């Protein structure tokens, strides 16, 4: 665990340094050359610095053990912090969009962006490509959703910088400053979309949703592979950072001894943790006697619901 946290911290520091350098370079080059689109790209890199700082802070939180105040630990802190970052990115994109529209309406009263802006963007493309590759490699190696997400963000930034470069080249050769402003507006729209997408995805995690169907299918497969177990149902899976928390109800022979039922539940937990291709934080198993699977609360996923047979759900059983 300590080695994993150290790798997250190291990757975060590299991302902070790289993005801070690019933010300063592009914002300075943008103002010097009169290119709003380069300034826009620099603002986007500033947002990337914030994201990397958040990742670094989360790494320190993840190293703290659970306590009385947070008995489940600090894994959810990542999602809460990312929500804040999404608002910051959205605000920056909105401000840039307003500035771009004002500049387009005002007309071409600025100079044509020079080679300084082009050099800054080319440098950005190269460094962002490296950061995306590096963060992606470490993220896959240690199964870090934070680093993997940041890697995707870096790769998206490469696309943004490429669009800015194309706009600069067209502006430079065709001598039409409006092209640069239009590209800046398009970049701002992209930044806003990224912010909205981050918010939606993170909010799904906070709502304990967006768990892939394949994960549920694998859990059912594992539990049904235990001969003594019948009718796994009311499966609830949620994320806590890069880990999964799993609740499941199962049925056992009502005449079975407590010791045997306890052993079977431990076997199920062990197999889920070993066979599921995800890091599992905890598995909670509720045991019932055969045939007792109807509850007042219609929560969780049954095998019928998973197979798109909602008429066989718990609520449908209650109505019969």
Protein backbone atom coordinates (compact mmCIF):
# COMPACT_ATOMS: atom_id res chain seq x y z
CA UNK A 1 0.00 0.00 0.00
CA UNK A 2 2.82 2.40 0.92
CA UNK A 3 4.58 1.80 -2.43
CA UNK A 4 1.32 2.47 -4.29
CA UNK A 5 0.79 5.77 -2.46
CA UNK A 6 4.40 6.78 -3.15
CA UNK A 7 3.95 6.16 -6.86
CA UNK A 8 0.77 8.26 -6.90
CA UNK A 9 2.61 11.09 -5.13
CA UNK A 10 5.58 10.91 -7.50
CA UNK A 11 3.35 10.90 -10.59
CA UNK A 12 1.32 13.81 -9.19
CA UNK A 13 4.43 15.92 -8.58
CA UNK A 14 5.63 15.27 -12.13
CA UNK A 15 2.20 16.24 -13.49
CA UNK A 16 2.16 19.40 -11.35
CA UNK A 17 5.63 20.46 -12.52
CA UNK A 18 4.90 19.72 -16.18
CA UNK A 19 1.53 21.46 -16.27
CA UNK A 20 2.75 24.46 -14.25
CA UNK A 21 5.58 24.94 -16.76
CA UNK A 22 3.15 24.70 -19.68
CA UNK A 23 0.63 27.04 -18.06
CA UNK A 24 3.24 29.75 -17.53
CA UNK A 25 4.74 29.21 -21.00
CA UNK A 26 1.43 29.31 -22.89
CA UNK A 27 -0.18 32.17 -20.97
CA UNK A 28 2.98 34.28 -21.35
CA UNK A 29 3.40 33.38 -25.03
CA UNK A 30 -0.28 34.04 -25.64
CA UNK A 31 -0.19 37.55 -24.20
CA UNK A 32 3.13 38.38 -25.89
CA UNK A 33 1.95 37.19 -29.32
CA UNK A 34 -1.64 38.36 -28.90
CA UNK A 35 -3.15 34.87 -29.18
CA UNK A 36 -6.26 34.33 -27.08
CA UNK A 37 -6.41 30.66 -28.03
CA UNK A 38 -2.93 30.08 -26.58
CA UNK A 39 -3.99 31.89 -23.40
CA UNK A 40 -7.04 29.60 -23.36
CA UNK A 41 -4.84 26.54 -23.61
CA UNK A 42 -2.68 27.93 -20.81
CA UNK A 43 -5.74 28.35 -18.59
CA UNK A 44 -6.64 24.73 -19.32
CA UNK A 45 -3.14 23.71 -18.18
CA UNK A 46 -3.69 25.72 -14.99
CA UNK A 47 -6.76 23.61 -14.37
CA UNK A 48 -4.61 20.52 -14.90
CA UNK A 49 -2.26 21.78 -12.19
CA UNK A 50 -5.22 21.98 -9.81
CA UNK A 51 -6.30 18.46 -10.73
CA UNK A 52 -2.79 17.14 -10.05
CA UNK A 53 -2.64 19.01 -6.73
CA UNK A 54 -5.95 17.42 -5.76
CA UNK A 55 -4.56 14.01 -6.74
CA UNK A 56 -1.51 14.64 -4.57
CA UNK A 57 -3.64 15.70 -1.58
CA UNK A 58 -5.85 12.65 -2.02
CA UNK A 59 -2.75 10.45 -2.00
CA UNK A 60 -1.90 11.78 1.46
CA UNK A 61 -5.48 11.21 2.64
CA UNK A 62 -5.53 7.67 1.27
CA UNK A 63 -2.53 6.83 3.43
CA UNK A 64 -4.52 7.62 6.59
CA UNK A 65 -6.23 4.67 8.30
CA UNK A 66 -9.98 4.61 9.07
CA UNK A 67 -10.96 6.26 12.33
CA UNK A 68 -14.01 7.01 14.46
CA UNK A 69 -14.93 10.01 12.30
CA UNK A 70 -14.42 8.17 9.00
CA UNK A 71 -14.81 4.43 9.72
CA UNK A 72 -14.79 3.63 5.98
CA UNK A 73 -11.57 5.53 5.43
CA UNK A 74 -10.94 8.45 3.07
CA UNK A 75 -11.43 6.89 -0.35
CA UNK A 76 -14.54 9.00 -1.11
CA UNK A 77 -12.50 12.20 -0.64
CA UNK A 78 -11.30 11.86 -4.22
CA UNK A 79 -14.82 12.15 -5.61
CA UNK A 80 -15.74 15.11 -3.40
CA UNK A 81 -12.57 17.00 -4.36
CA UNK A 82 -13.09 16.27 -8.05
CA UNK A 83 -16.54 17.87 -7.89
CA UNK A 84 -14.89 21.10 -6.71
CA UNK A 85 -12.32 20.90 -9.50
CA UNK A 86 -15.07 20.45 -12.09
CA UNK A 87 -16.65 23.73 -10.95
CA UNK A 88 -13.28 25.52 -11.20
CA UNK A 89 -12.70 24.21 -14.72
CA UNK A 90 -16.26 25.16 -15.73
CA UNK A 91 -15.80 28.70 -14.40
CA UNK A 92 -12.51 29.12 -16.28
CA UNK A 93 -14.08 27.84 -19.50
CA UNK A 94 -17.12 30.10 -19.12
CA UNK A 95 -14.95 33.17 -18.54
CA UNK A 96 -12.88 32.32 -21.59
CA UNK A 97 -15.98 31.85 -23.72
CA UNK A 98 -17.27 35.30 -22.72
CA UNK A 99 -13.91 36.89 -23.54
CA UNK A 100 -13.77 35.10 -26.91
CA UNK A 101 -17.26 36.24 -27.90
CA UNK A 102 -16.47 39.84 -26.91
CA UNK A 103 -13.28 39.74 -28.96
CA UNK A 104 -15.07 38.33 -32.01
CA UNK A 105 -17.76 41.03 -31.78
CA UNK A 106 -15.15 43.79 -31.30
CA UNK A 107 -13.44 42.82 -34.55
CA UNK A 108 -9.79 42.27 -35.60
CA UNK A 109 -8.09 45.03 -33.64
CA UNK A 110 -5.15 42.93 -32.53
CA UNK A 111 -1.95 41.76 -34.09
CA UNK A 112 -1.50 38.45 -35.88
CA UNK A 113 -0.09 35.77 -33.51
CA UNK A 114 3.58 35.15 -34.21
CA UNK A 115 5.93 32.20 -34.06
CA UNK A 116 6.25 32.48 -30.25
CA UNK A 117 2.71 31.21 -29.85
CA UNK A 118 3.29 28.37 -32.30
CA UNK A 119 6.47 27.27 -30.50
CA UNK A 120 4.62 27.29 -27.16
CA UNK A 121 1.84 25.08 -28.52
CA UNK A 122 4.24 22.61 -30.16
CA UNK A 123 6.07 22.33 -26.83
CA UNK A 124 2.73 21.76 -25.11
CA UNK A 125 1.73 18.96 -27.47
CA UNK A 126 5.02 17.13 -26.89
CA UNK A 127 4.97 17.47 -23.09
CA UNK A 128 1.25 16.68 -22.75
CA UNK A 129 1.73 13.55 -24.84
CA UNK A 130 4.52 12.44 -22.50
CA UNK A 131 2.46 13.19 -19.37
CA UNK A 132 -0.51 11.27 -20.79
CA UNK A 133 1.68 8.27 -21.55
CA UNK A 134 3.45 8.38 -18.17
CA UNK A 135 0.33 8.80 -16.03
CA UNK A 136 -1.47 6.12 -18.01
CA UNK A 137 1.38 3.65 -17.54
CA UNK A 138 1.59 4.22 -13.78
CA UNK A 139 -2.19 4.22 -13.45
CA UNK A 140 -2.46 0.80 -15.11
CA UNK A 141 0.47 -0.55 -13.13
CA UNK A 142 -0.96 0.29 -9.70
CA UNK A 143 -4.66 0.24 -10.71
CA UNK A 144 -5.19 3.90 -9.87
CA UNK A 145 -8.41 5.37 -11.24
CA UNK A 146 -7.18 8.87 -10.36
CA UNK A 147 -4.03 8.64 -12.44
CA UNK A 148 -5.81 6.88 -15.28
CA UNK A 149 -8.42 9.63 -15.40
CA UNK A 150 -5.73 12.30 -15.35
CA UNK A 151 -3.96 10.49 -18.18
CA UNK A 152 -7.14 10.66 -20.28
CA UNK A 153 -7.34 14.36 -19.46
CA UNK A 154 -3.77 14.85 -20.71
CA UNK A 155 -4.58 13.04 -23.96
CA UNK A 156 -7.63 15.25 -24.44
CA UNK A 157 -5.38 18.26 -23.93
CA UNK A 158 -3.19 17.05 -26.80
CA UNK A 159 -6.25 17.25 -29.06
CA UNK A 160 -7.04 20.74 -27.75
CA UNK A 161 -3.47 21.92 -28.36
CA UNK A 162 -3.53 20.45 -31.86
CA UNK A 163 -6.69 22.41 -32.65
CA UNK A 164 -5.09 25.58 -31.30
CA UNK A 165 -1.98 24.93 -33.42
CA UNK A 166 -4.09 24.53 -36.55
CA UNK A 167 -5.89 27.79 -35.72
CA UNK A 168 -2.59 29.60 -35.21
CA UNK A 169 -1.16 28.33 -38.48
CA UNK A 170 -4.28 29.37 -40.40
CA UNK A 171 -4.23 32.77 -38.69
CA UNK A 172 -0.52 33.22 -39.39
CA UNK A 173 -0.74 32.37 -43.09
CA UNK A 174 -4.15 33.87 -43.93
CA UNK A 175 -3.68 36.95 -41.71
CA UNK A 176 -7.21 36.69 -40.25
CA UNK A 177 -7.15 37.32 -36.45
CA UNK A 178 -10.78 36.19 -36.12
CA UNK A 179 -9.68 32.60 -36.71
CA UNK A 180 -7.67 32.66 -33.48
CA UNK A 181 -10.65 34.03 -31.52
CA UNK A 182 -12.97 31.41 -32.98
CA UNK A 183 -10.56 28.64 -32.03
CA UNK A 184 -10.36 30.14 -28.50
CA UNK A 185 -14.16 29.96 -28.32
CA UNK A 186 -14.14 26.33 -29.45
CA UNK A 187 -11.47 25.51 -26.84
CA UNK A 188 -13.58 27.18 -24.14
CA UNK A 189 -16.59 25.06 -25.15
CA UNK A 190 -14.42 21.95 -24.94
CA UNK A 191 -13.19 22.99 -21.45
CA UNK A 192 -16.80 23.51 -20.30
CA UNK A 193 -17.79 20.10 -21.70
CA UNK A 194 -14.89 18.42 -19.88
CA UNK A 195 -16.00 20.09 -16.64
CA UNK A 196 -19.60 18.93 -17.10
CA UNK A 197 -18.47 15.40 -17.95
CA UNK A 198 -16.23 15.24 -14.87
CA UNK A 199 -19.12 16.45 -12.70
CA UNK A 200 -21.58 13.88 -14.11
CA UNK A 201 -19.16 10.96 -13.78
CA UNK A 202 -18.09 11.93 -10.27
CA UNK A 203 -21.66 12.54 -9.15
CA UNK A 204 -22.54 9.03 -10.31
CA UNK A 205 -19.86 7.68 -7.98
CA UNK A 206 -21.18 9.76 -5.07
CA UNK A 207 -24.66 8.38 -5.82
CA UNK A 208 -23.18 4.85 -5.69
CA UNK A 209 -24.06 4.23 -9.33
CA UNK A 210 -22.39 3.57 -12.67
CA UNK A 211 -21.13 0.06 -11.81
CA UNK A 212 -20.54 -2.02 -14.92
CA UNK A 213 -22.96 -4.87 -15.59
CA UNK A 214 -20.00 -7.23 -16.03
CA UNK A 215 -19.00 -6.72 -12.38
CA UNK A 216 -22.45 -7.79 -11.18
CA UNK A 217 -22.40 -10.77 -13.54
CA UNK A 218 -19.04 -11.88 -12.16
CA UNK A 219 -20.24 -11.60 -8.56
CA UNK A 220 -23.30 -13.74 -9.33
CA UNK A 221 -21.09 -16.26 -11.12
CA UNK A 222 -18.74 -16.53 -8.14
CA UNK A 223 -21.52 -16.93 -5.56
CA UNK A 224 -23.46 -19.43 -7.66
CA UNK A 225 -20.26 -21.48 -7.91
CA UNK A 226 -20.50 -22.28 -4.18
CA UNK A 227 -22.58 -25.54 -4.04
CA UNK A 228 -24.26 -24.82 -0.69
CA UNK A 229 -25.47 -21.37 -1.75
CA UNK A 230 -28.75 -20.59 -3.48
CA UNK A 231 -30.47 -17.53 -4.88
CA UNK A 232 -27.94 -14.72 -4.51
CA UNK A 233 -29.95 -11.49 -4.63
CA UNK A 234 -30.12 -7.85 -3.53
CA UNK A 235 -26.53 -7.30 -4.69
CA UNK A 236 -25.31 -3.76 -4.04
CA UNK A 237 -21.92 -2.63 -5.31
CA UNK A 238 -20.45 0.82 -4.89
CA UNK A 239 -17.09 2.44 -5.37
CA UNK A 240 -14.87 3.93 -2.72
CA UNK A 241 -12.04 5.47 -4.71
CA UNK A 242 -10.45 2.63 -6.66
CA UNK A 243 -12.02 -0.04 -4.45
CA UNK A 244 -15.39 -1.78 -4.47
CA UNK A 245 -17.70 -2.35 -1.53
CA UNK A 246 -20.07 -5.31 -2.07
CA UNK A 247 -23.24 -6.26 -0.21
CA UNK A 248 -25.11 -9.45 -1.11
CA UNK A 249 -27.92 -11.62 0.29
CA UNK A 250 -27.70 -15.40 -0.05
CA UNK A 251 -29.83 -18.39 1.01
CA UNK A 252 -28.51 -21.39 2.92
CA UNK A 253 -30.10 -24.49 4.45
CA UNK A 254 -31.97 -23.30 7.55
CA UNK A 255 -30.85 -26.41 9.44
CA UNK A 256 -27.18 -25.64 8.81
CA UNK A 257 -25.06 -24.88 11.87
CA UNK A 258 -23.86 -21.34 12.49
CA UNK A 259 -20.25 -22.47 12.13
CA UNK A 260 -20.89 -23.93 8.66
CA UNK A 261 -22.80 -20.83 7.53
CA UNK A 262 -19.96 -18.67 8.81
CA UNK A 263 -17.39 -20.75 6.90
CA UNK A 264 -19.38 -20.50 3.68
CA UNK A 265 -19.71 -16.73 3.97
CA UNK A 266 -15.94 -16.43 4.46
CA UNK A 267 -15.38 -18.67 1.42
CA UNK A 268 -17.61 -16.42 -0.70
CA UNK A 269 -15.78 -13.30 0.49
CA UNK A 270 -12.39 -14.89 -0.21
CA UNK A 271 -13.35 -15.97 -3.73
CA UNK A 272 -14.85 -12.59 -4.61
CA UNK A 273 -11.66 -10.81 -3.54
CA UNK A 274 -9.48 -13.30 -5.43
CA UNK A 275 -11.49 -13.69 -8.65
CA UNK A 276 -12.86 -10.19 -9.19
CA UNK A 277 -10.53 -8.08 -11.33
CA UNK A 278 -10.91 -5.14 -8.96
CA UNK A 279 -9.57 -4.28 -5.55
CA UNK A 280 -12.34 -5.03 -3.04
CA UNK A 281 -12.54 -3.01 0.17
CA UNK A 282 -15.19 -5.12 1.90
CA UNK A 283 -17.78 -7.84 1.28
CA UNK A 284 -20.87 -7.94 3.50
CA UNK A 285 -23.01 -11.09 3.26
CA UNK A 286 -26.53 -11.40 4.66
CA UNK A 287 -27.62 -15.03 5.19
CA UNK A 288 -31.25 -16.22 4.94
CA UNK A 289 -32.91 -19.66 5.03
CA UNK A 290 -34.07 -21.16 1.71
CA UNK A 291 -37.11 -19.38 0.25
CA UNK A 292 -36.95 -16.25 2.42
CA UNK A 293 -35.97 -13.61 -0.15
CA UNK A 294 -38.79 -11.05 0.09
CA UNK A 295 -38.05 -7.75 1.86
CA UNK A 296 -39.91 -4.55 2.52
CA UNK A 297 -37.22 -2.62 0.66
CA UNK A 298 -36.78 -3.12 -3.05
CA UNK A 299 -33.05 -2.41 -3.19
CA UNK A 300 -30.12 -4.03 -4.90
CA UNK A 301 -29.87 -6.10 -8.07
CA UNK A 302 -31.28 -9.61 -8.49
CA UNK A 303 -30.33 -12.04 -11.25
CA UNK A 304 -33.70 -11.44 -12.95
CA UNK A 305 -33.21 -7.68 -13.00
CA UNK A 306 -29.68 -8.16 -14.32
CA UNK A 307 -31.12 -10.25 -17.16
CA UNK A 308 -33.70 -7.52 -17.94
CA UNK A 309 -36.68 -9.25 -16.32
CA UNK A 310 -37.96 -6.50 -14.01
CA UNK A 311 -41.35 -8.23 -13.65
CA UNK A 312 -39.57 -10.83 -11.50
CA UNK A 313 -38.06 -8.26 -9.16
CA UNK A 314 -38.67 -8.20 -5.40
CA UNK A 315 -41.47 -5.66 -5.69
CA UNK A 316 -43.24 -7.87 -8.24
CA UNK A 317 -42.96 -10.84 -5.87
CA UNK A 318 -44.60 -8.82 -3.10
CA UNK A 319 -47.58 -8.02 -5.32
CA UNK A 320 -48.34 -11.68 -6.01
